Amino acid sequence: MSYRQRAVTCPKCGFQFDILYARTISCQGCNRILSSLSCEYVKCPRCEFEFPLSRSAAKAANVLKRWRPSI
């Protein structure tokens, strides 16, 4: 999956970021992401605005949910 497929733009501040980065930094400790890895929201790492994912970003998030590192 390429960066372009995982890229999300915050509707409040315009910051463009990788959904994987947001899940790691901004969503850390969130009860929704901890209870099920399929949260339909994302939080901007810059302004901390939380917003629903677009359909393409949600698809990327689901792919990341199923990803397992190769050993």
N, C-alpha and C. Protein backbone atom coordinates (compact mmCIF):
# COMPACT_ATOMS: atom_id res chain seq x y z
N MET A 1 0.84 -1.17 0.00
CA MET A 1 0.00 0.00 0.00
C MET A 1 0.89 1.24 0.00
N SER A 2 0.62 2.14 -0.90
CA SER A 2 1.46 3.33 -1.04
C SER A 2 1.04 4.42 -0.06
N TYR A 3 1.92 5.39 0.09
CA TYR A 3 1.63 6.53 0.97
C TYR A 3 0.38 7.27 0.49
N ARG A 4 0.22 7.41 -0.82
CA ARG A 4 -0.93 8.14 -1.36
C ARG A 4 -2.24 7.49 -0.95
N GLN A 5 -2.27 6.18 -0.84
CA GLN A 5 -3.47 5.48 -0.42
C GLN A 5 -3.74 5.68 1.06
N ARG A 6 -2.69 5.90 1.84
CA ARG A 6 -2.83 6.07 3.29
C ARG A 6 -2.89 7.52 3.71
N ALA A 7 -2.72 8.45 2.79
CA ALA A 7 -2.67 9.87 3.11
C ALA A 7 -4.06 10.41 3.47
N VAL A 8 -4.10 11.19 4.53
CA VAL A 8 -5.33 11.82 5.02
C VAL A 8 -5.04 13.30 5.19
N THR A 9 -6.00 14.15 4.86
CA THR A 9 -5.86 15.59 5.05
C THR A 9 -6.88 16.06 6.08
N CYS A 10 -6.39 16.76 7.08
CA CYS A 10 -7.27 17.28 8.13
C CYS A 10 -8.17 18.38 7.55
N PRO A 11 -9.48 18.26 7.74
CA PRO A 11 -10.38 19.30 7.22
C PRO A 11 -10.30 20.62 7.99
N LYS A 12 -9.73 20.60 9.19
CA LYS A 12 -9.65 21.82 10.00
C LYS A 12 -8.39 22.64 9.68
N CYS A 13 -7.20 21.99 9.69
CA CYS A 13 -5.95 22.73 9.52
C CYS A 13 -5.26 22.47 8.17
N GLY A 14 -5.72 21.47 7.41
CA GLY A 14 -5.14 21.19 6.11
C GLY A 14 -3.88 20.35 6.14
N PHE A 15 -3.46 19.90 7.30
CA PHE A 15 -2.25 19.08 7.44
C PHE A 15 -2.48 17.72 6.80
N GLN A 16 -1.55 17.30 5.95
CA GLN A 16 -1.64 15.99 5.31
C GLN A 16 -0.71 15.03 6.04
N PHE A 17 -1.25 13.86 6.41
CA PHE A 17 -0.46 12.91 7.18
C PHE A 17 -0.84 11.48 6.81
N ASP A 18 0.01 10.56 7.19
CA ASP A 18 -0.19 9.14 6.95
C ASP A 18 -1.10 8.59 8.06
N ILE A 19 -2.08 7.81 7.70
CA ILE A 19 -3.01 7.26 8.69
C ILE A 19 -2.27 6.37 9.70
N LEU A 20 -1.23 5.69 9.25
CA LEU A 20 -0.45 4.85 10.16
C LEU A 20 0.23 5.72 11.21
N TYR A 21 0.74 6.88 10.81
CA TYR A 21 1.35 7.82 11.75
C TYR A 21 0.32 8.30 12.77
N ALA A 22 -0.87 8.64 12.30
CA ALA A 22 -1.92 9.12 13.20
C ALA A 22 -2.33 8.03 14.18
N ARG A 23 -2.46 6.80 13.71
CA ARG A 23 -2.83 5.70 14.59
C ARG A 23 -1.76 5.49 15.67
N THR A 24 -0.51 5.67 15.30
CA THR A 24 0.58 5.46 16.24
C THR A 24 0.71 6.60 17.24
N ILE A 25 0.60 7.83 16.77
CA ILE A 25 0.84 9.00 17.62
C ILE A 25 -0.45 9.55 18.23
N SER A 26 -1.39 9.93 17.41
CA SER A 26 -2.58 10.64 17.88
C SER A 26 -3.60 9.73 18.55
N CYS A 27 -3.71 8.50 18.08
CA CYS A 27 -4.75 7.60 18.60
C CYS A 27 -4.24 6.74 19.76
N GLN A 28 -3.03 6.96 20.17
CA GLN A 28 -2.45 6.19 21.26
C GLN A 28 -3.26 6.40 22.54
N GLY A 29 -3.72 5.32 23.13
CA GLY A 29 -4.48 5.40 24.36
C GLY A 29 -5.97 5.61 24.18
N CYS A 30 -6.43 5.77 22.97
CA CYS A 30 -7.86 5.97 22.72
C CYS A 30 -8.61 4.66 22.95
N ASN A 31 -9.71 4.73 23.68
CA ASN A 31 -10.49 3.53 23.98
C ASN A 31 -11.10 2.90 22.74
N ARG A 32 -11.50 3.73 21.78
CA ARG A 32 -12.10 3.17 20.55
C ARG A 32 -11.11 2.35 19.76
N ILE A 33 -9.89 2.84 19.61
CA ILE A 33 -8.88 2.12 18.82
C ILE A 33 -8.37 0.90 19.58
N LEU A 34 -8.36 0.97 20.90
CA LEU A 34 -7.90 -0.17 21.69
C LEU A 34 -8.91 -1.30 21.71
N SER A 35 -10.20 -0.97 21.74
CA SER A 35 -11.23 -2.00 21.80
C SER A 35 -11.43 -2.70 20.46
N SER A 36 -11.35 -1.96 19.38
CA SER A 36 -11.44 -2.58 18.05
C SER A 36 -10.56 -1.78 17.12
N LEU A 37 -9.73 -2.46 16.40
CA LEU A 37 -8.77 -1.76 15.54
C LEU A 37 -9.41 -1.18 14.29
N SER A 38 -10.73 -1.19 14.22
CA SER A 38 -11.40 -0.70 13.03
C SER A 38 -12.15 0.60 13.26
N CYS A 39 -11.59 1.50 14.02
CA CYS A 39 -12.22 2.79 14.31
C CYS A 39 -12.39 3.58 13.01
N GLU A 40 -13.53 4.21 12.85
CA GLU A 40 -13.84 4.97 11.64
C GLU A 40 -13.44 6.44 11.76
N TYR A 41 -12.76 6.80 12.83
CA TYR A 41 -12.32 8.17 13.05
C TYR A 41 -10.80 8.23 13.07
N VAL A 42 -10.28 9.41 12.85
CA VAL A 42 -8.84 9.65 12.94
C VAL A 42 -8.65 11.03 13.58
N LYS A 43 -7.55 11.18 14.30
CA LYS A 43 -7.24 12.45 14.96
C LYS A 43 -6.00 13.05 14.32
N CYS A 44 -6.08 14.32 13.96
CA CYS A 44 -4.97 15.02 13.32
C CYS A 44 -3.80 15.14 14.30
N PRO A 45 -2.60 14.75 13.90
CA PRO A 45 -1.44 14.88 14.79
C PRO A 45 -1.04 16.34 15.05
N ARG A 46 -1.43 17.25 14.18
CA ARG A 46 -1.05 18.65 14.35
C ARG A 46 -2.02 19.41 15.26
N CYS A 47 -3.32 19.38 14.94
CA CYS A 47 -4.28 20.20 15.70
C CYS A 47 -5.19 19.37 16.61
N GLU A 48 -5.06 18.05 16.55
CA GLU A 48 -5.82 17.10 17.37
C GLU A 48 -7.32 17.12 17.10
N PHE A 49 -7.72 17.61 15.93
CA PHE A 49 -9.12 17.57 15.52
C PHE A 49 -9.46 16.14 15.11
N GLU A 50 -10.56 15.61 15.64
CA GLU A 50 -10.98 14.25 15.33
C GLU A 50 -12.11 14.31 14.30
N PHE A 51 -11.98 13.50 13.24
CA PHE A 51 -12.96 13.52 12.17
C PHE A 51 -13.12 12.12 11.58
N PRO A 52 -14.27 11.87 10.93
CA PRO A 52 -14.48 10.55 10.32
C PRO A 52 -13.59 10.38 9.09
N LEU A 53 -13.16 9.16 8.87
CA LEU A 53 -12.33 8.85 7.72
C LEU A 53 -13.16 8.84 6.44
N SER A 54 -12.53 9.23 5.35
CA SER A 54 -13.18 9.09 4.05
C SER A 54 -13.23 7.61 3.71
N ARG A 55 -13.99 7.26 2.71
CA ARG A 55 -14.13 5.85 2.34
C ARG A 55 -12.79 5.22 1.95
N SER A 56 -11.96 5.94 1.19
CA SER A 56 -10.67 5.40 0.76
C SER A 56 -9.71 5.25 1.94
N ALA A 57 -9.73 6.21 2.87
CA ALA A 57 -8.87 6.13 4.05
C ALA A 57 -9.35 5.02 4.98
N ALA A 58 -10.65 4.82 5.08
CA ALA A 58 -11.18 3.73 5.90
C ALA A 58 -10.75 2.38 5.33
N LYS A 59 -10.73 2.29 4.01
CA LYS A 59 -10.27 1.06 3.36
C LYS A 59 -8.80 0.81 3.70
N ALA A 60 -7.99 1.87 3.66
CA ALA A 60 -6.57 1.76 4.01
C ALA A 60 -6.40 1.35 5.46
N ALA A 61 -7.24 1.89 6.34
CA ALA A 61 -7.18 1.54 7.76
C ALA A 61 -7.51 0.06 7.97
N ASN A 62 -8.47 -0.45 7.22
CA ASN A 62 -8.82 -1.87 7.33
C ASN A 62 -7.69 -2.76 6.84
N VAL A 63 -6.99 -2.33 5.79
CA VAL A 63 -5.84 -3.10 5.31
C VAL A 63 -4.75 -3.12 6.37
N LEU A 64 -4.52 -1.96 7.01
CA LEU A 64 -3.51 -1.89 8.07
C LEU A 64 -3.90 -2.78 9.25
N LYS A 65 -5.18 -2.89 9.51
CA LYS A 65 -5.65 -3.71 10.62
C LYS A 65 -5.29 -5.18 10.40
N ARG A 66 -5.35 -5.62 9.14
CA ARG A 66 -5.05 -7.03 8.83
C ARG A 66 -3.56 -7.29 8.59
N TRP A 67 -2.75 -6.23 8.53
CA TRP A 67 -1.33 -6.36 8.22
C TRP A 67 -0.58 -7.08 9.34
N ARG A 68 0.26 -7.98 8.99
CA ARG A 68 1.14 -8.67 9.93
C ARG A 68 2.56 -8.57 9.39
N PRO A 69 3.52 -8.19 10.24
CA PRO A 69 4.90 -8.08 9.76
C PRO A 69 5.46 -9.44 9.38
N SER A 70 6.26 -9.42 8.33
CA SER A 70 6.91 -10.68 7.92
C SER A 70 8.20 -10.83 8.71
N ILE A 71 8.43 -12.03 9.15
CA ILE A 71 9.60 -12.28 10.00
C ILE A 71 10.72 -12.87 9.19
